[in-house]
Amino acid sequence: MCESRTPCGSGRAPSRLATTTDARRWVIHLPVTAADLMRARILARTAARVLIRFSTRVEPGGVTVSAEDQQDVRHWVFYDRLLPEGRGRCVLAVDHTSRCRPRPPR
């Protein structure tokens, strides 16, 4: 869905740009394709782990993947379970079988 005043992909800038004082949070949607769900999850995990090194605003626990023609059906990439005793969240893949591990400190 395109929320600007011009159609998505029109090549024209919207008539009013959001300023840095805008209190809303904005989410980046970056379509990257993979051959299947397993490869999509691997690629998404890798991208999230690389991006988190550059910005504290990256939230790996929110990373999902979907089939190109079913983007409303999302599959989680990270387990992201809240760990006991305030140790953070699990950083392992959603389908892991080992004990959860916390994210290392930045």
N, C-alpha and C. Protein backbone atom coordinates (compact mmCIF):
# COMPACT_ATOMS: atom_id res chain seq x y z
N MET A 1 0.85 -1.17 0.00
CA MET A 1 0.00 0.00 0.00
C MET A 1 0.90 1.23 0.00
N CYS A 2 0.58 2.18 -0.82
CA CYS A 2 1.36 3.41 -0.90
C CYS A 2 0.59 4.53 -0.21
N GLU A 3 1.25 5.20 0.74
CA GLU A 3 0.57 6.23 1.52
C GLU A 3 0.91 7.66 1.07
N SER A 4 1.77 7.79 0.07
CA SER A 4 2.10 9.15 -0.37
C SER A 4 0.96 9.69 -1.23
N ARG A 5 1.09 10.93 -1.63
CA ARG A 5 0.04 11.56 -2.43
C ARG A 5 0.17 11.22 -3.91
N THR A 6 1.25 10.55 -4.29
CA THR A 6 1.40 10.12 -5.67
C THR A 6 1.42 8.60 -5.69
N PRO A 7 1.03 8.00 -6.83
CA PRO A 7 1.01 6.53 -6.91
C PRO A 7 2.40 5.95 -6.68
N CYS A 8 2.44 4.76 -6.07
CA CYS A 8 3.72 4.08 -5.87
C CYS A 8 4.38 3.85 -7.22
N GLY A 9 5.67 4.05 -7.28
CA GLY A 9 6.40 3.81 -8.51
C GLY A 9 6.20 4.87 -9.57
N SER A 10 5.62 6.00 -9.21
CA SER A 10 5.37 7.03 -10.22
C SER A 10 6.64 7.80 -10.57
N GLY A 11 7.68 7.67 -9.72
CA GLY A 11 8.91 8.39 -9.98
C GLY A 11 8.89 9.82 -9.49
N ARG A 12 7.76 10.30 -9.00
CA ARG A 12 7.66 11.67 -8.51
C ARG A 12 7.69 11.65 -6.99
N ALA A 13 8.32 12.64 -6.42
CA ALA A 13 8.37 12.76 -4.97
C ALA A 13 7.00 13.18 -4.44
N PRO A 14 6.62 12.71 -3.24
CA PRO A 14 5.36 13.17 -2.67
C PRO A 14 5.42 14.67 -2.42
N SER A 15 4.27 15.32 -2.38
CA SER A 15 4.24 16.77 -2.24
C SER A 15 4.66 17.23 -0.85
N ARG A 16 4.53 16.36 0.17
CA ARG A 16 4.94 16.75 1.52
C ARG A 16 5.77 15.60 2.10
N LEU A 17 7.02 15.85 2.42
CA LEU A 17 7.88 14.83 2.98
C LEU A 17 7.82 14.86 4.50
N ALA A 18 7.93 13.70 5.13
CA ALA A 18 7.97 13.63 6.59
C ALA A 18 9.26 14.27 7.07
N THR A 19 9.18 14.96 8.17
CA THR A 19 10.38 15.61 8.72
C THR A 19 10.96 14.74 9.82
N THR A 20 12.15 15.10 10.27
CA THR A 20 12.80 14.34 11.33
C THR A 20 12.10 14.55 12.67
N THR A 21 11.20 15.51 12.77
CA THR A 21 10.46 15.72 14.01
C THR A 21 9.19 14.87 14.06
N ASP A 22 8.95 14.09 13.01
CA ASP A 22 7.80 13.20 12.97
C ASP A 22 7.95 12.16 14.07
N ALA A 23 6.98 12.03 14.96
CA ALA A 23 7.08 11.15 16.13
C ALA A 23 6.83 9.68 15.79
N ARG A 24 6.29 9.40 14.61
CA ARG A 24 6.02 8.01 14.25
C ARG A 24 7.32 7.26 13.97
N ARG A 25 7.27 5.94 14.16
CA ARG A 25 8.39 5.09 13.75
C ARG A 25 8.09 4.58 12.35
N TRP A 26 9.09 4.51 11.52
CA TRP A 26 8.92 4.03 10.15
C TRP A 26 9.62 2.69 10.00
N VAL A 27 9.04 1.78 9.26
CA VAL A 27 9.57 0.45 9.04
C VAL A 27 10.02 0.32 7.60
N ILE A 28 11.19 -0.24 7.39
CA ILE A 28 11.72 -0.45 6.04
C ILE A 28 11.28 -1.82 5.56
N HIS A 29 10.66 -1.88 4.38
CA HIS A 29 10.30 -3.14 3.75
C HIS A 29 11.22 -3.29 2.55
N LEU A 30 12.07 -4.28 2.59
CA LEU A 30 13.09 -4.46 1.56
C LEU A 30 12.91 -5.84 0.92
N PRO A 31 12.19 -5.93 -0.19
CA PRO A 31 11.97 -7.23 -0.82
C PRO A 31 13.27 -7.84 -1.34
N VAL A 32 13.56 -9.04 -0.87
CA VAL A 32 14.69 -9.84 -1.34
C VAL A 32 14.14 -11.24 -1.56
N THR A 33 14.41 -11.82 -2.71
CA THR A 33 13.81 -13.13 -3.00
C THR A 33 14.78 -14.27 -2.71
N ALA A 34 14.23 -15.43 -2.42
CA ALA A 34 14.98 -16.67 -2.20
C ALA A 34 14.18 -17.82 -2.81
N ALA A 35 14.84 -18.93 -3.02
CA ALA A 35 14.21 -20.06 -3.71
C ALA A 35 13.16 -20.78 -2.87
N ASP A 36 13.32 -20.79 -1.54
CA ASP A 36 12.36 -21.50 -0.69
C ASP A 36 12.39 -20.90 0.72
N LEU A 37 11.51 -21.40 1.60
CA LEU A 37 11.38 -20.86 2.95
C LEU A 37 12.68 -20.99 3.74
N MET A 38 13.34 -22.13 3.66
CA MET A 38 14.59 -22.31 4.40
C MET A 38 15.64 -21.29 3.98
N ARG A 39 15.83 -21.13 2.69
CA ARG A 39 16.82 -20.17 2.19
C ARG A 39 16.42 -18.74 2.53
N ALA A 40 15.13 -18.46 2.48
CA ALA A 40 14.66 -17.11 2.84
C ALA A 40 14.98 -16.82 4.30
N ARG A 41 14.74 -17.78 5.19
CA ARG A 41 15.06 -17.59 6.61
C ARG A 41 16.55 -17.40 6.83
N ILE A 42 17.38 -18.19 6.14
CA ILE A 42 18.83 -18.06 6.27
C ILE A 42 19.28 -16.69 5.81
N LEU A 43 18.79 -16.25 4.67
CA LEU A 43 19.16 -14.93 4.15
C LEU A 43 18.68 -13.82 5.08
N ALA A 44 17.47 -13.93 5.59
CA ALA A 44 16.94 -12.91 6.50
C ALA A 44 17.74 -12.86 7.80
N ARG A 45 18.11 -14.02 8.35
CA ARG A 45 18.94 -14.05 9.57
C ARG A 45 20.28 -13.39 9.31
N THR A 46 20.88 -13.72 8.19
CA THR A 46 22.19 -13.16 7.85
C THR A 46 22.10 -11.65 7.69
N ALA A 47 21.09 -11.18 6.96
CA ALA A 47 20.91 -9.74 6.76
C ALA A 47 20.70 -9.02 8.09
N ALA A 48 19.86 -9.58 8.95
CA ALA A 48 19.58 -8.96 10.25
C ALA A 48 20.84 -8.89 11.10
N ARG A 49 21.62 -9.97 11.11
CA ARG A 49 22.85 -9.99 11.92
C ARG A 49 23.88 -9.01 11.41
N VAL A 50 23.93 -8.80 10.11
CA VAL A 50 24.85 -7.80 9.55
C VAL A 50 24.36 -6.39 9.87
N LEU A 51 23.07 -6.13 9.65
CA LEU A 51 22.53 -4.79 9.86
C LEU A 51 22.58 -4.36 11.32
N ILE A 52 22.44 -5.30 12.25
CA ILE A 52 22.46 -4.94 13.67
C ILE A 52 23.82 -4.39 14.09
N ARG A 53 24.85 -4.73 13.34
CA ARG A 53 26.19 -4.19 13.62
C ARG A 53 26.29 -2.71 13.29
N PHE A 54 25.42 -2.24 12.39
CA PHE A 54 25.47 -0.86 11.94
C PHE A 54 24.50 0.06 12.65
N SER A 55 23.44 -0.50 13.22
CA SER A 55 22.43 0.35 13.83
C SER A 55 21.73 -0.36 14.99
N THR A 56 21.56 0.34 16.07
CA THR A 56 20.83 -0.21 17.22
C THR A 56 19.33 -0.20 16.97
N ARG A 57 18.89 0.38 15.88
CA ARG A 57 17.46 0.44 15.56
C ARG A 57 16.96 -0.82 14.85
N VAL A 58 17.86 -1.71 14.49
CA VAL A 58 17.45 -2.96 13.84
C VAL A 58 16.89 -3.88 14.91
N GLU A 59 15.70 -4.43 14.66
CA GLU A 59 15.03 -5.34 15.60
C GLU A 59 14.96 -6.72 14.97
N PRO A 60 15.99 -7.55 15.18
CA PRO A 60 16.01 -8.86 14.54
C PRO A 60 14.82 -9.73 14.93
N GLY A 61 14.31 -9.59 16.12
CA GLY A 61 13.18 -10.40 16.56
C GLY A 61 11.93 -10.18 15.75
N GLY A 62 11.85 -9.07 15.03
CA GLY A 62 10.68 -8.78 14.22
C GLY A 62 10.80 -9.21 12.78
N VAL A 63 11.91 -9.87 12.42
CA VAL A 63 12.13 -10.25 11.04
C VAL A 63 11.23 -11.43 10.67
N THR A 64 10.52 -11.28 9.56
CA THR A 64 9.67 -12.34 9.02
C THR A 64 9.94 -12.50 7.54
N VAL A 65 9.54 -13.63 6.99
CA VAL A 65 9.60 -13.87 5.55
C VAL A 65 8.22 -14.35 5.09
N SER A 66 7.96 -14.19 3.80
CA SER A 66 6.67 -14.63 3.25
C SER A 66 6.86 -15.04 1.80
N ALA A 67 5.92 -15.82 1.31
CA ALA A 67 5.90 -16.15 -0.12
C ALA A 67 5.55 -14.87 -0.87
N GLU A 68 6.12 -14.70 -2.04
CA GLU A 68 5.91 -13.47 -2.82
C GLU A 68 4.44 -13.20 -3.08
N ASP A 69 3.67 -14.25 -3.34
CA ASP A 69 2.26 -14.06 -3.66
C ASP A 69 1.35 -14.22 -2.45
N GLN A 70 1.93 -14.38 -1.25
CA GLN A 70 1.14 -14.47 -0.01
C GLN A 70 1.84 -13.65 1.08
N GLN A 71 2.04 -12.38 0.83
CA GLN A 71 2.81 -11.55 1.75
C GLN A 71 2.07 -11.29 3.06
N ASP A 72 0.81 -11.65 3.13
CA ASP A 72 0.08 -11.50 4.38
C ASP A 72 0.29 -12.70 5.30
N VAL A 73 0.93 -13.77 4.81
CA VAL A 73 1.25 -14.95 5.62
C VAL A 73 2.74 -14.89 5.93
N ARG A 74 3.07 -14.51 7.15
CA ARG A 74 4.46 -14.30 7.54
C ARG A 74 5.00 -15.46 8.36
N HIS A 75 6.28 -15.76 8.18
CA HIS A 75 6.96 -16.81 8.92
C HIS A 75 8.10 -16.15 9.72
N TRP A 76 8.12 -16.38 11.03
CA TRP A 76 9.16 -15.79 11.88
C TRP A 76 10.52 -16.36 11.53
N VAL A 77 11.56 -15.56 11.71
CA VAL A 77 12.93 -15.98 11.43
C VAL A 77 13.65 -16.31 12.74
N PHE A 78 13.53 -15.44 13.72
CA PHE A 78 14.17 -15.66 15.03
C PHE A 78 13.11 -16.08 16.04
N TYR A 79 13.51 -16.88 17.03
CA TYR A 79 12.60 -17.33 18.08
C TYR A 79 12.20 -16.14 18.95
N ASP A 80 13.13 -15.32 19.34
CA ASP A 80 12.90 -14.05 20.05
C ASP A 80 12.15 -14.20 21.37
N ARG A 81 12.25 -15.34 21.99
CA ARG A 81 11.59 -15.57 23.29
C ARG A 81 12.27 -14.74 24.37
N LEU A 82 11.49 -14.14 25.24
CA LEU A 82 12.02 -13.40 26.38
C LEU A 82 12.62 -14.41 27.35
N LEU A 83 13.89 -14.24 27.70
CA LEU A 83 14.58 -15.18 28.56
C LEU A 83 14.39 -14.80 30.03
N PRO A 84 14.46 -15.78 30.92
CA PRO A 84 14.26 -15.51 32.34
C PRO A 84 15.37 -14.64 32.92
N GLU A 85 15.07 -14.03 34.04
CA GLU A 85 16.03 -13.23 34.80
C GLU A 85 16.58 -12.04 34.02
N GLY A 86 15.80 -11.52 33.10
CA GLY A 86 16.20 -10.32 32.37
C GLY A 86 17.42 -10.50 31.49
N ARG A 87 17.64 -11.71 30.99
CA ARG A 87 18.84 -11.97 30.17
C ARG A 87 18.66 -11.60 28.71
N GLY A 88 17.59 -10.95 28.37
CA GLY A 88 17.37 -10.53 26.99
C GLY A 88 16.44 -11.46 26.25
N ARG A 89 16.66 -11.61 24.96
CA ARG A 89 15.81 -12.45 24.11
C ARG A 89 16.67 -13.48 23.39
N CYS A 90 16.04 -14.59 23.01
CA CYS A 90 16.73 -15.66 22.29
C CYS A 90 17.09 -15.19 20.88
N VAL A 91 18.32 -15.45 20.45
CA VAL A 91 18.77 -15.01 19.13
C VAL A 91 18.82 -16.15 18.12
N LEU A 92 18.37 -17.32 18.52
CA LEU A 92 18.46 -18.47 17.62
C LEU A 92 17.29 -18.52 16.64
N ALA A 93 17.44 -19.38 15.65
CA ALA A 93 16.40 -19.54 14.63
C ALA A 93 15.10 -20.03 15.27
N VAL A 94 14.00 -19.71 14.63
CA VAL A 94 12.68 -20.03 15.17
C VAL A 94 12.49 -21.53 15.41
N ASP A 95 13.14 -22.37 14.65
CA ASP A 95 12.95 -23.82 14.77
C ASP A 95 14.11 -24.52 15.48
N HIS A 96 14.86 -23.79 16.30
CA HIS A 96 16.02 -24.41 16.97
C HIS A 96 15.58 -25.42 18.01
N THR A 97 16.47 -26.39 18.30
CA THR A 97 16.17 -27.44 19.28
C THR A 97 17.09 -27.37 20.50
N SER A 98 18.09 -26.53 20.46
CA SER A 98 19.00 -26.38 21.60
C SER A 98 18.44 -25.35 22.58
N ARG A 99 19.14 -25.16 23.70
CA ARG A 99 18.72 -24.15 24.68
C ARG A 99 18.82 -22.76 24.07
N CYS A 100 17.94 -21.88 24.48
CA CYS A 100 17.95 -20.50 23.98
C CYS A 100 19.23 -19.80 24.41
N ARG A 101 19.68 -18.88 23.56
CA ARG A 101 20.88 -18.08 23.86
C ARG A 101 20.51 -16.61 23.79
N PRO A 102 21.02 -15.82 24.73
CA PRO A 102 20.75 -14.38 24.67
C PRO A 102 21.62 -13.69 23.62
N ARG A 103 21.19 -12.54 23.18
CA ARG A 103 21.96 -11.72 22.25
C ARG A 103 23.18 -11.19 22.99
N PRO A 104 24.37 -11.27 22.38
CA PRO A 104 25.54 -10.72 23.07
C PRO A 104 25.41 -9.21 23.20
N PRO A 105 26.02 -8.61 24.22
CA PRO A 105 25.94 -7.15 24.37
C PRO A 105 26.58 -6.45 23.19
N ARG A 106 26.07 -5.27 22.87
CA ARG A 106 26.62 -4.50 21.73
C ARG A 106 27.81 -3.69 22.16
